[in-house]
Amino acid sequence: MKKVIIAVVMLLAVLSPLNLTNSYLRCSEFDTVIVHYGDSVENIASRYTDDQERLQELTEAIIEINDIKSDRDMKAGRKLQIPVMNKENSDLQVASR
């Protein structure tokens, strides 16, 4: 029993920092975007921020939230949930959409 508890605690310790450092994964507001032919996750994320560090975080969050495994998952017509920071949670300036 102790081994199971230790294994679970170690697993949580390994995975927790990933979600704690990416504030987009803690968002409670989302936009829905329909993928168009030629869109990439980064292209869509760039509509929401101009900051390169935030762009990387948002790109990673979109991939995780929408369970995108490869480029083949980005088919035209697919709906994606995009986490949106509100002004209370971040000083992020949102680019025009």
PDB file of N, CA and C in Angstrom:
ATOM      1  N   MET A   1       0.820  -1.194   0.000  1.00  0.00           N
ATOM      2  CA  MET A   1       0.000   0.000   0.000  1.00  0.00           C
ATOM      3  C   MET A   1       0.864   1.259   0.000  1.00  0.00           C
ATOM      4  N   LYS A   2       1.937   1.236   0.779  1.00  0.00           N
ATOM      5  CA  LYS A   2       2.828   2.400   0.834  1.00  0.00           C
ATOM      6  C   LYS A   2       3.466   2.656  -0.526  1.00  0.00           C
ATOM      7  N   LYS A   3       3.797   1.591  -1.243  1.00  0.00           N
ATOM      8  CA  LYS A   3       4.410   1.751  -2.560  1.00  0.00           C
ATOM      9  C   LYS A   3       3.451   2.438  -3.537  1.00  0.00           C
ATOM     10  N   VAL A   4       2.188   2.100  -3.450  1.00  0.00           N
ATOM     11  CA  VAL A   4       1.193   2.713  -4.323  1.00  0.00           C
ATOM     12  C   VAL A   4       1.066   4.194  -4.004  1.00  0.00           C
ATOM     13  N   ILE A   5       1.002   4.531  -2.740  1.00  0.00           N
ATOM     14  CA  ILE A   5       0.888   5.927  -2.321  1.00  0.00           C
ATOM     15  C   ILE A   5       2.113   6.712  -2.758  1.00  0.00           C
ATOM     16  N   ILE A   6       3.276   6.147  -2.580  1.00  0.00           N
ATOM     17  CA  ILE A   6       4.520   6.810  -2.988  1.00  0.00           C
ATOM     18  C   ILE A   6       4.535   7.013  -4.500  1.00  0.00           C
ATOM     19  N   ALA A   7       4.102   6.014  -5.251  1.00  0.00           N
ATOM     20  CA  ALA A   7       4.068   6.124  -6.707  1.00  0.00           C
ATOM     21  C   ALA A   7       3.116   7.232  -7.156  1.00  0.00           C
ATOM     22  N   VAL A   8       1.965   7.320  -6.525  1.00  0.00           N
ATOM     23  CA  VAL A   8       0.988   8.351  -6.876  1.00  0.00           C
ATOM     24  C   VAL A   8       1.535   9.734  -6.546  1.00  0.00           C
ATOM     25  N   VAL A   9       2.140   9.881  -5.395  1.00  0.00           N
ATOM     26  CA  VAL A   9       2.714  11.171  -4.993  1.00  0.00           C
ATOM     27  C   VAL A   9       3.823  11.580  -5.949  1.00  0.00           C
ATOM     28  N   MET A  10       4.663  10.641  -6.343  1.00  0.00           N
ATOM     29  CA  MET A  10       5.746  10.952  -7.276  1.00  0.00           C
ATOM     30  C   MET A  10       5.189  11.342  -8.643  1.00  0.00           C
ATOM     31  N   LEU A  11       4.155  10.663  -9.085  1.00  0.00           N
ATOM     32  CA  LEU A  11       3.533  10.990 -10.363  1.00  0.00           C
ATOM     33  C   LEU A  11       2.949  12.397 -10.332  1.00  0.00           C
ATOM     34  N   LEU A  12       2.265  12.730  -9.261  1.00  0.00           N
ATOM     35  CA  LEU A  12       1.705  14.076  -9.121  1.00  0.00           C
ATOM     36  C   LEU A  12       2.803  15.132  -9.063  1.00  0.00           C
ATOM     37  N   ALA A  13       3.890  14.827  -8.417  1.00  0.00           N
ATOM     38  CA  ALA A  13       5.000  15.776  -8.321  1.00  0.00           C
ATOM     39  C   ALA A  13       5.614  16.037  -9.690  1.00  0.00           C
ATOM     40  N   VAL A  14       5.653  15.021 -10.520  1.00  0.00           N
ATOM     41  CA  VAL A  14       6.218  15.177 -11.866  1.00  0.00           C
ATOM     42  C   VAL A  14       5.275  15.959 -12.765  1.00  0.00           C
ATOM     43  N   LEU A  15       3.984  15.688 -12.695  1.00  0.00           N
ATOM     44  CA  LEU A  15       3.024  16.312 -13.592  1.00  0.00           C
ATOM     45  C   LEU A  15       2.552  17.685 -13.128  1.00  0.00           C
ATOM     46  N   SER A  16       2.517  17.944 -11.868  1.00  0.00           N
ATOM     47  CA  SER A  16       1.985  19.198 -11.341  1.00  0.00           C
ATOM     48  C   SER A  16       2.677  20.451 -11.861  1.00  0.00           C
ATOM     49  N   PRO A  17       3.988  20.502 -11.917  1.00  0.00           N
ATOM     50  CA  PRO A  17       4.618  21.740 -12.385  1.00  0.00           C
ATOM     51  C   PRO A  17       4.212  22.138 -13.791  1.00  0.00           C
ATOM     52  N   LEU A  18       3.847  21.176 -14.621  1.00  0.00           N
ATOM     53  CA  LEU A  18       3.454  21.500 -15.986  1.00  0.00           C
ATOM     54  C   LEU A  18       2.194  22.367 -15.991  1.00  0.00           C
ATOM     55  N   ASN A  19       1.228  22.019 -15.172  1.00  0.00           N
ATOM     56  CA  ASN A  19      -0.016  22.771 -15.145  1.00  0.00           C
ATOM     57  C   ASN A  19       0.079  24.017 -14.282  1.00  0.00           C
ATOM     58  N   LEU A  20       0.951  24.036 -13.313  1.00  0.00           N
ATOM     59  CA  LEU A  20       1.066  25.198 -12.435  1.00  0.00           C
ATOM     60  C   LEU A  20       1.760  26.365 -13.113  1.00  0.00           C
ATOM     61  N   THR A  21       2.639  26.091 -14.033  1.00  0.00           N
ATOM     62  CA  THR A  21       3.383  27.169 -14.671  1.00  0.00           C
ATOM     63  C   THR A  21       2.657  27.752 -15.882  1.00  0.00           C
ATOM     64  N   ASN A  22       1.696  27.043 -16.421  1.00  0.00           N
ATOM     65  CA  ASN A  22       0.962  27.529 -17.590  1.00  0.00           C
ATOM     66  C   ASN A  22      -0.402  28.052 -17.133  1.00  0.00           C
ATOM     67  N   SER A  23      -0.499  29.351 -17.018  1.00  0.00           N
ATOM     68  CA  SER A  23      -1.726  29.967 -16.500  1.00  0.00           C
ATOM     69  C   SER A  23      -2.929  29.742 -17.415  1.00  0.00           C
ATOM     70  N   TYR A  24      -2.711  29.483 -18.685  1.00  0.00           N
ATOM     71  CA  TYR A  24      -3.819  29.225 -19.597  1.00  0.00           C
ATOM     72  C   TYR A  24      -4.552  27.937 -19.242  1.00  0.00           C
ATOM     73  N   LEU A  25      -3.853  26.998 -18.621  1.00  0.00           N
ATOM     74  CA  LEU A  25      -4.493  25.739 -18.251  1.00  0.00           C
ATOM     75  C   LEU A  25      -5.382  25.884 -17.026  1.00  0.00           C
ATOM     76  N   ARG A  26      -5.355  27.048 -16.394  1.00  0.00           N
ATOM     77  CA  ARG A  26      -6.221  27.311 -15.241  1.00  0.00           C
ATOM     78  C   ARG A  26      -7.352  28.273 -15.588  1.00  0.00           C
ATOM     79  N   CYS A  27      -7.501  28.604 -16.861  1.00  0.00           N
ATOM     80  CA  CYS A  27      -8.550  29.532 -17.295  1.00  0.00           C
ATOM     81  C   CYS A  27      -9.924  28.901 -17.149  1.00  0.00           C
ATOM     82  N   SER A  28     -10.900  29.752 -16.903  1.00  0.00           N
ATOM     83  CA  SER A  28     -12.277  29.273 -16.838  1.00  0.00           C
ATOM     84  C   SER A  28     -13.121  29.816 -17.988  1.00  0.00           C
ATOM     85  N   GLU A  29     -12.529  30.677 -18.810  1.00  0.00           N
ATOM     86  CA  GLU A  29     -13.235  31.232 -19.967  1.00  0.00           C
ATOM     87  C   GLU A  29     -12.582  30.728 -21.253  1.00  0.00           C
ATOM     88  N   PHE A  30     -13.438  30.413 -22.232  1.00  0.00           N
ATOM     89  CA  PHE A  30     -12.945  29.868 -23.491  1.00  0.00           C
ATOM     90  C   PHE A  30     -13.674  30.491 -24.666  1.00  0.00           C
ATOM     91  N   ASP A  31     -12.960  30.682 -25.749  1.00  0.00           N
ATOM     92  CA  ASP A  31     -13.552  31.016 -27.042  1.00  0.00           C
ATOM     93  C   ASP A  31     -13.590  29.724 -27.843  1.00  0.00           C
ATOM     94  N   THR A  32     -14.518  29.645 -28.759  1.00  0.00           N
ATOM     95  CA  THR A  32     -14.565  28.514 -29.684  1.00  0.00           C
ATOM     96  C   THR A  32     -14.143  29.026 -31.048  1.00  0.00           C
ATOM     97  N   VAL A  33     -13.183  28.340 -31.646  1.00  0.00           N
ATOM     98  CA  VAL A  33     -12.655  28.714 -32.954  1.00  0.00           C
ATOM     99  C   VAL A  33     -12.836  27.531 -33.897  1.00  0.00           C
ATOM    100  N   ILE A  34     -13.250  27.817 -35.110  1.00  0.00           N
ATOM    101  CA  ILE A  34     -13.356  26.773 -36.131  1.00  0.00           C
ATOM    102  C   ILE A  34     -12.095  26.823 -36.984  1.00  0.00           C
ATOM    103  N   VAL A  35     -11.454  25.678 -37.114  1.00  0.00           N
ATOM    104  CA  VAL A  35     -10.216  25.571 -37.883  1.00  0.00           C
ATOM    105  C   VAL A  35     -10.530  25.727 -39.366  1.00  0.00           C
ATOM    106  N   HIS A  36      -9.745  26.565 -40.025  1.00  0.00           N
ATOM    107  CA  HIS A  36      -9.834  26.736 -41.479  1.00  0.00           C
ATOM    108  C   HIS A  36      -8.654  26.029 -42.128  1.00  0.00           C
ATOM    109  N   TYR A  37      -8.794  25.725 -43.397  1.00  0.00           N
ATOM    110  CA  TYR A  37      -7.718  25.063 -44.133  1.00  0.00           C
ATOM    111  C   TYR A  37      -6.430  25.878 -43.996  1.00  0.00           C
ATOM    112  N   GLY A  38      -5.347  25.223 -43.613  1.00  0.00           N
ATOM    113  CA  GLY A  38      -4.053  25.879 -43.485  1.00  0.00           C
ATOM    114  C   GLY A  38      -3.762  26.432 -42.101  1.00  0.00           C
ATOM    115  N   ASP A  39      -4.762  26.429 -41.205  1.00  0.00           N
ATOM    116  CA  ASP A  39      -4.527  26.914 -39.840  1.00  0.00           C
ATOM    117  C   ASP A  39      -3.603  25.966 -39.087  1.00  0.00           C
ATOM    118  N   SER A  40      -2.796  26.553 -38.224  1.00  0.00           N
ATOM    119  CA  SER A  40      -1.989  25.781 -37.284  1.00  0.00           C
ATOM    120  C   SER A  40      -2.362  26.242 -35.881  1.00  0.00           C
ATOM    121  N   VAL A  41      -1.986  25.470 -34.892  1.00  0.00           N
ATOM    122  CA  VAL A  41      -2.289  25.856 -33.513  1.00  0.00           C
ATOM    123  C   VAL A  41      -1.601  27.180 -33.194  1.00  0.00           C
ATOM    124  N   GLU A  42      -0.351  27.316 -33.593  1.00  0.00           N
ATOM    125  CA  GLU A  42       0.380  28.553 -33.310  1.00  0.00           C
ATOM    126  C   GLU A  42      -0.249  29.747 -34.025  1.00  0.00           C
ATOM    127  N   ASN A  43      -0.707  29.534 -35.243  1.00  0.00           N
ATOM    128  CA  ASN A  43      -1.370  30.602 -35.988  1.00  0.00           C
ATOM    129  C   ASN A  43      -2.626  31.071 -35.253  1.00  0.00           C
ATOM    130  N   ILE A  44      -3.404  30.137 -34.762  1.00  0.00           N
ATOM    131  CA  ILE A  44      -4.615  30.479 -34.018  1.00  0.00           C
ATOM    132  C   ILE A  44      -4.252  31.164 -32.705  1.00  0.00           C
ATOM    133  N   ALA A  45      -3.251  30.648 -31.996  1.00  0.00           N
ATOM    134  CA  ALA A  45      -2.829  31.248 -30.726  1.00  0.00           C
ATOM    135  C   ALA A  45      -2.337  32.680 -30.924  1.00  0.00           C
ATOM    136  N   SER A  46      -1.703  32.944 -32.058  1.00  0.00           N
ATOM    137  CA  SER A  46      -1.167  34.291 -32.313  1.00  0.00           C
ATOM    138  C   SER A  46      -2.269  35.338 -32.477  1.00  0.00           C
ATOM    139  N   ARG A  47      -3.498  34.902 -32.665  1.00  0.00           N
ATOM    140  CA  ARG A  47      -4.634  35.831 -32.733  1.00  0.00           C
ATOM    141  C   ARG A  47      -4.989  36.370 -31.342  1.00  0.00           C
ATOM    142  N   TYR A  48      -4.486  35.699 -30.307  1.00  0.00           N
ATOM    143  CA  TYR A  48      -4.857  36.043 -28.938  1.00  0.00           C
ATOM    144  C   TYR A  48      -3.748  36.729 -28.150  1.00  0.00           C
ATOM    145  N   THR A  49      -2.508  36.673 -28.631  1.00  0.00           N
ATOM    146  CA  THR A  49      -1.416  37.343 -27.927  1.00  0.00           C
ATOM    147  C   THR A  49      -0.290  37.691 -28.884  1.00  0.00           C
ATOM    148  N   ASP A  50       0.382  38.783 -28.585  1.00  0.00           N
ATOM    149  CA  ASP A  50       1.563  39.194 -29.353  1.00  0.00           C
ATOM    150  C   ASP A  50       2.854  38.818 -28.631  1.00  0.00           C
ATOM    151  N   ASP A  51       2.756  38.486 -27.358  1.00  0.00           N
ATOM    152  CA  ASP A  51       3.910  38.161 -26.518  1.00  0.00           C
ATOM    153  C   ASP A  51       4.399  36.750 -26.834  1.00  0.00           C
ATOM    154  N   GLN A  52       5.683  36.603 -27.187  1.00  0.00           N
ATOM    155  CA  GLN A  52       6.216  35.301 -27.604  1.00  0.00           C
ATOM    156  C   GLN A  52       6.174  34.243 -26.507  1.00  0.00           C
ATOM    157  N   GLU A  53       6.447  34.640 -25.271  1.00  0.00           N
ATOM    158  CA  GLU A  53       6.396  33.671 -24.167  1.00  0.00           C
ATOM    159  C   GLU A  53       4.963  33.198 -23.954  1.00  0.00           C
ATOM    160  N   ARG A  54       4.035  34.122 -23.966  1.00  0.00           N
ATOM    161  CA  ARG A  54       2.622  33.772 -23.812  1.00  0.00           C
ATOM    162  C   ARG A  54       2.127  32.959 -25.005  1.00  0.00           C
ATOM    163  N   LEU A  55       2.651  33.259 -26.192  1.00  0.00           N
ATOM    164  CA  LEU A  55       2.270  32.508 -27.385  1.00  0.00           C
ATOM    165  C   LEU A  55       2.614  31.034 -27.225  1.00  0.00           C
ATOM    166  N   GLN A  56       3.791  30.751 -26.713  1.00  0.00           N
ATOM    167  CA  GLN A  56       4.203  29.362 -26.501  1.00  0.00           C
ATOM    168  C   GLN A  56       3.304  28.689 -25.461  1.00  0.00           C
ATOM    169  N   GLU A  57       3.016  29.389 -24.363  1.00  0.00           N
ATOM    170  CA  GLU A  57       2.138  28.830 -23.326  1.00  0.00           C
ATOM    171  C   GLU A  57       0.740  28.570 -23.871  1.00  0.00           C
ATOM    172  N   LEU A  58       0.204  29.525 -24.628  1.00  0.00           N
ATOM    173  CA  LEU A  58      -1.136  29.362 -25.176  1.00  0.00           C
ATOM    174  C   LEU A  58      -1.178  28.223 -26.188  1.00  0.00           C
ATOM    175  N   THR A  59      -0.152  28.129 -27.013  1.00  0.00           N
ATOM    176  CA  THR A  59      -0.076  27.037 -27.991  1.00  0.00           C
ATOM    177  C   THR A  59      -0.096  25.687 -27.283  1.00  0.00           C
ATOM    178  N   GLU A  60       0.710  25.552 -26.237  1.00  0.00           N
ATOM    179  CA  GLU A  60       0.751  24.298 -25.475  1.00  0.00           C
ATOM    180  C   GLU A  60      -0.593  24.009 -24.810  1.00  0.00           C
ATOM    181  N   ALA A  61      -1.245  25.044 -24.294  1.00  0.00           N
ATOM    182  CA  ALA A  61      -2.543  24.859 -23.646  1.00  0.00           C
ATOM    183  C   ALA A  61      -3.610  24.417 -24.644  1.00  0.00           C
ATOM    184  N   ILE A  62      -3.621  25.032 -25.824  1.00  0.00           N
ATOM    185  CA  ILE A  62      -4.598  24.653 -26.850  1.00  0.00           C
ATOM    186  C   ILE A  62      -4.413  23.191 -27.235  1.00  0.00           C
ATOM    187  N   ILE A  63      -3.175  22.776 -27.390  1.00  0.00           N
ATOM    188  CA  ILE A  63      -2.874  21.382 -27.739  1.00  0.00           C
ATOM    189  C   ILE A  63      -3.383  20.447 -26.651  1.00  0.00           C
ATOM    190  N   GLU A  64      -3.136  20.782 -25.396  1.00  0.00           N
ATOM    191  CA  GLU A  64      -3.556  19.911 -24.298  1.00  0.00           C
ATOM    192  C   GLU A  64      -5.071  19.897 -24.122  1.00  0.00           C
ATOM    193  N   ILE A  65      -5.688  21.057 -24.119  1.00  0.00           N
ATOM    194  CA  ILE A  65      -7.128  21.151 -23.891  1.00  0.00           C
ATOM    195  C   ILE A  65      -7.920  20.437 -24.979  1.00  0.00           C
ATOM    196  N   ASN A  66      -7.437  20.526 -26.213  1.00  0.00           N
ATOM    197  CA  ASN A  66      -8.157  19.941 -27.344  1.00  0.00           C
ATOM    198  C   ASN A  66      -7.639  18.570 -27.744  1.00  0.00           C
ATOM    199  N   ASP A  67      -6.713  18.032 -26.970  1.00  0.00           N
ATOM    200  CA  ASP A  67      -6.163  16.692 -27.206  1.00  0.00           C
ATOM    201  C   ASP A  67      -5.659  16.533 -28.643  1.00  0.00           C
ATOM    202  N   ILE A  68      -4.820  17.480 -29.051  1.00  0.00           N
ATOM    203  CA  ILE A  68      -4.246  17.457 -30.396  1.00  0.00           C
ATOM    204  C   ILE A  68      -2.951  16.641 -30.342  1.00  0.00           C
ATOM    205  N   LYS A  69      -2.940  15.561 -31.088  1.00  0.00           N
ATOM    206  CA  LYS A  69      -1.789  14.653 -31.081  1.00  0.00           C
ATOM    207  C   LYS A  69      -0.838  14.906 -32.245  1.00  0.00           C
ATOM    208  N   SER A  70      -1.376  15.357 -33.379  1.00  0.00           N
ATOM    209  CA  SER A  70      -0.543  15.598 -34.558  1.00  0.00           C
ATOM    210  C   SER A  70      -1.209  16.644 -35.441  1.00  0.00           C
ATOM    211  N   ASP A  71      -0.514  17.038 -36.497  1.00  0.00           N
ATOM    212  CA  ASP A  71      -1.064  18.012 -37.444  1.00  0.00           C
ATOM    213  C   ASP A  71      -2.343  17.502 -38.107  1.00  0.00           C
ATOM    214  N   ARG A  72      -2.487  16.188 -38.199  1.00  0.00           N
ATOM    215  CA  ARG A  72      -3.683  15.612 -38.815  1.00  0.00           C
ATOM    216  C   ARG A  72      -4.945  15.920 -38.014  1.00  0.00           C
ATOM    217  N   ASP A  73      -4.784  16.254 -36.725  1.00  0.00           N
ATOM    218  CA  ASP A  73      -5.933  16.599 -35.891  1.00  0.00           C
ATOM    219  C   ASP A  73      -6.462  17.999 -36.178  1.00  0.00           C
ATOM    220  N   MET A  74      -5.737  18.770 -36.976  1.00  0.00           N
ATOM    221  CA  MET A  74      -6.133  20.150 -37.291  1.00  0.00           C
ATOM    222  C   MET A  74      -6.881  20.204 -38.622  1.00  0.00           C
ATOM    223  N   LYS A  75      -7.961  19.463 -38.713  1.00  0.00           N
ATOM    224  CA  LYS A  75      -8.751  19.424 -39.947  1.00  0.00           C
ATOM    225  C   LYS A  75      -9.680  20.621 -40.018  1.00  0.00           C
ATOM    226  N   ALA A  76      -9.862  21.133 -41.222  1.00  0.00           N
ATOM    227  CA  ALA A  76     -10.789  22.249 -41.443  1.00  0.00           C
ATOM    228  C   ALA A  76     -12.172  21.853 -40.944  1.00  0.00           C
ATOM    229  N   GLY A  77     -12.790  22.771 -40.212  1.00  0.00           N
ATOM    230  CA  GLY A  77     -14.115  22.527 -39.669  1.00  0.00           C
ATOM    231  C   GLY A  77     -14.116  22.091 -38.214  1.00  0.00           C
ATOM    232  N   ARG A  78     -12.974  21.663 -37.724  1.00  0.00           N
ATOM    233  CA  ARG A  78     -12.906  21.246 -36.322  1.00  0.00           C
ATOM    234  C   ARG A  78     -13.060  22.461 -35.414  1.00  0.00           C
ATOM    235  N   LYS A  79     -13.772  22.274 -34.311  1.00  0.00           N
ATOM    236  CA  LYS A  79     -13.936  23.332 -33.323  1.00  0.00           C
ATOM    237  C   LYS A  79     -12.895  23.147 -32.226  1.00  0.00           C
ATOM    238  N   LEU A  80     -12.206  24.228 -31.897  1.00  0.00           N
ATOM    239  CA  LEU A  80     -11.210  24.211 -30.833  1.00  0.00           C
ATOM    240  C   LEU A  80     -11.640  25.129 -29.704  1.00  0.00           C
ATOM    241  N   GLN A  81     -11.371  24.717 -28.484  1.00  0.00           N
ATOM    242  CA  GLN A  81     -11.593  25.560 -27.316  1.00  0.00           C
ATOM    243  C   GLN A  81     -10.292  26.308 -27.046  1.00  0.00           C
ATOM    244  N   ILE A  82     -10.370  27.638 -26.976  1.00  0.00           N
ATOM    245  CA  ILE A  82      -9.203  28.479 -26.759  1.00  0.00           C
ATOM    246  C   ILE A  82      -9.339  29.145 -25.394  1.00  0.00           C
ATOM    247  N   PRO A  83      -8.419  28.861 -24.460  1.00  0.00           N
ATOM    248  CA  PRO A  83      -8.502  29.511 -23.153  1.00  0.00           C
ATOM    249  C   PRO A  83      -8.222  31.004 -23.286  1.00  0.00           C
ATOM    250  N   VAL A  84      -9.039  31.799 -22.621  1.00  0.00           N
ATOM    251  CA  VAL A  84      -8.917  33.251 -22.713  1.00  0.00           C
ATOM    252  C   VAL A  84      -8.682  33.809 -21.319  1.00  0.00           C
ATOM    253  N   MET A  85      -7.617  34.583 -21.195  1.00  0.00           N
ATOM    254  CA  MET A  85      -7.307  35.228 -19.919  1.00  0.00           C
ATOM    255  C   MET A  85      -8.162  36.473 -19.788  1.00  0.00           C
ATOM    256  N   ASN A  86      -8.759  36.645 -18.626  1.00  0.00           N
ATOM    257  CA  ASN A  86      -9.443  37.908 -18.392  1.00  0.00           C
ATOM    258  C   ASN A  86      -8.475  38.850 -17.689  1.00  0.00           C
ATOM    259  N   LYS A  87      -8.792  40.100 -17.644  1.00  0.00           N
ATOM    260  CA  LYS A  87      -7.865  41.095 -17.105  1.00  0.00           C
ATOM    261  C   LYS A  87      -7.584  40.901 -15.630  1.00  0.00           C
ATOM    262  N   GLU A  88      -8.494  40.270 -14.901  1.00  0.00           N
ATOM    263  CA  GLU A  88      -8.279  40.027 -13.480  1.00  0.00           C
ATOM    264  C   GLU A  88      -7.195  38.985 -13.246  1.00  0.00           C
ATOM    265  N   ASN A  89      -7.075  38.021 -14.163  1.00  0.00           N
ATOM    266  CA  ASN A  89      -6.116  36.934 -14.001  1.00  0.00           C
ATOM    267  C   ASN A  89      -4.748  37.230 -14.574  1.00  0.00           C
ATOM    268  N   SER A  90      -4.657  38.233 -15.432  1.00  0.00           N
ATOM    269  CA  SER A  90      -3.380  38.473 -16.104  1.00  0.00           C
ATOM    270  C   SER A  90      -3.319  39.900 -16.609  1.00  0.00           C
ATOM    271  N   ASP A  91      -2.111  40.360 -16.808  1.00  0.00           N
ATOM    272  CA  ASP A  91      -1.920  41.667 -17.418  1.00  0.00           C
ATOM    273  C   ASP A  91      -1.742  41.525 -18.919  1.00  0.00           C
ATOM    274  N   LEU A  92      -2.104  40.364 -19.447  1.00  0.00           N
ATOM    275  CA  LEU A  92      -1.970  40.035 -20.856  1.00  0.00           C
ATOM    276  C   LEU A  92      -2.798  40.987 -21.711  1.00  0.00           C
ATOM    277  N   GLN A  93      -2.209  41.500 -22.750  1.00  0.00           N
ATOM    278  CA  GLN A  93      -2.924  42.293 -23.725  1.00  0.00           C
ATOM    279  C   GLN A  93      -3.377  41.354 -24.832  1.00  0.00           C
ATOM    280  N   VAL A  94      -4.669  41.314 -25.081  1.00  0.00           N
ATOM    281  CA  VAL A  94      -5.211  40.411 -26.094  1.00  0.00           C
ATOM    282  C   VAL A  94      -5.151  41.100 -27.450  1.00  0.00           C
ATOM    283  N   ALA A  95      -4.588  40.409 -28.410  1.00  0.00           N
ATOM    284  CA  ALA A  95      -4.525  40.934 -29.772  1.00  0.00           C
ATOM    285  C   ALA A  95      -5.915  40.893 -30.390  1.00  0.00           C
ATOM    286  N   SER A  96      -6.113  41.639 -31.434  1.00  0.00           N
ATOM    287  CA  SER A  96      -7.422  41.616 -32.089  1.00  0.00           C
ATOM    288  C   SER A  96      -7.663  40.239 -32.692  1.00  0.00           C
ATOM    289  N   ARG A  97      -8.905  39.836 -32.689  1.00  0.00           N
ATOM    290  CA  ARG A  97      -9.242  38.487 -33.162  1.00  0.00           C
ATOM    291  C   ARG A  97      -9.774  38.522 -34.543  1.00  0.00           C
TER     292      ARG A  97
END
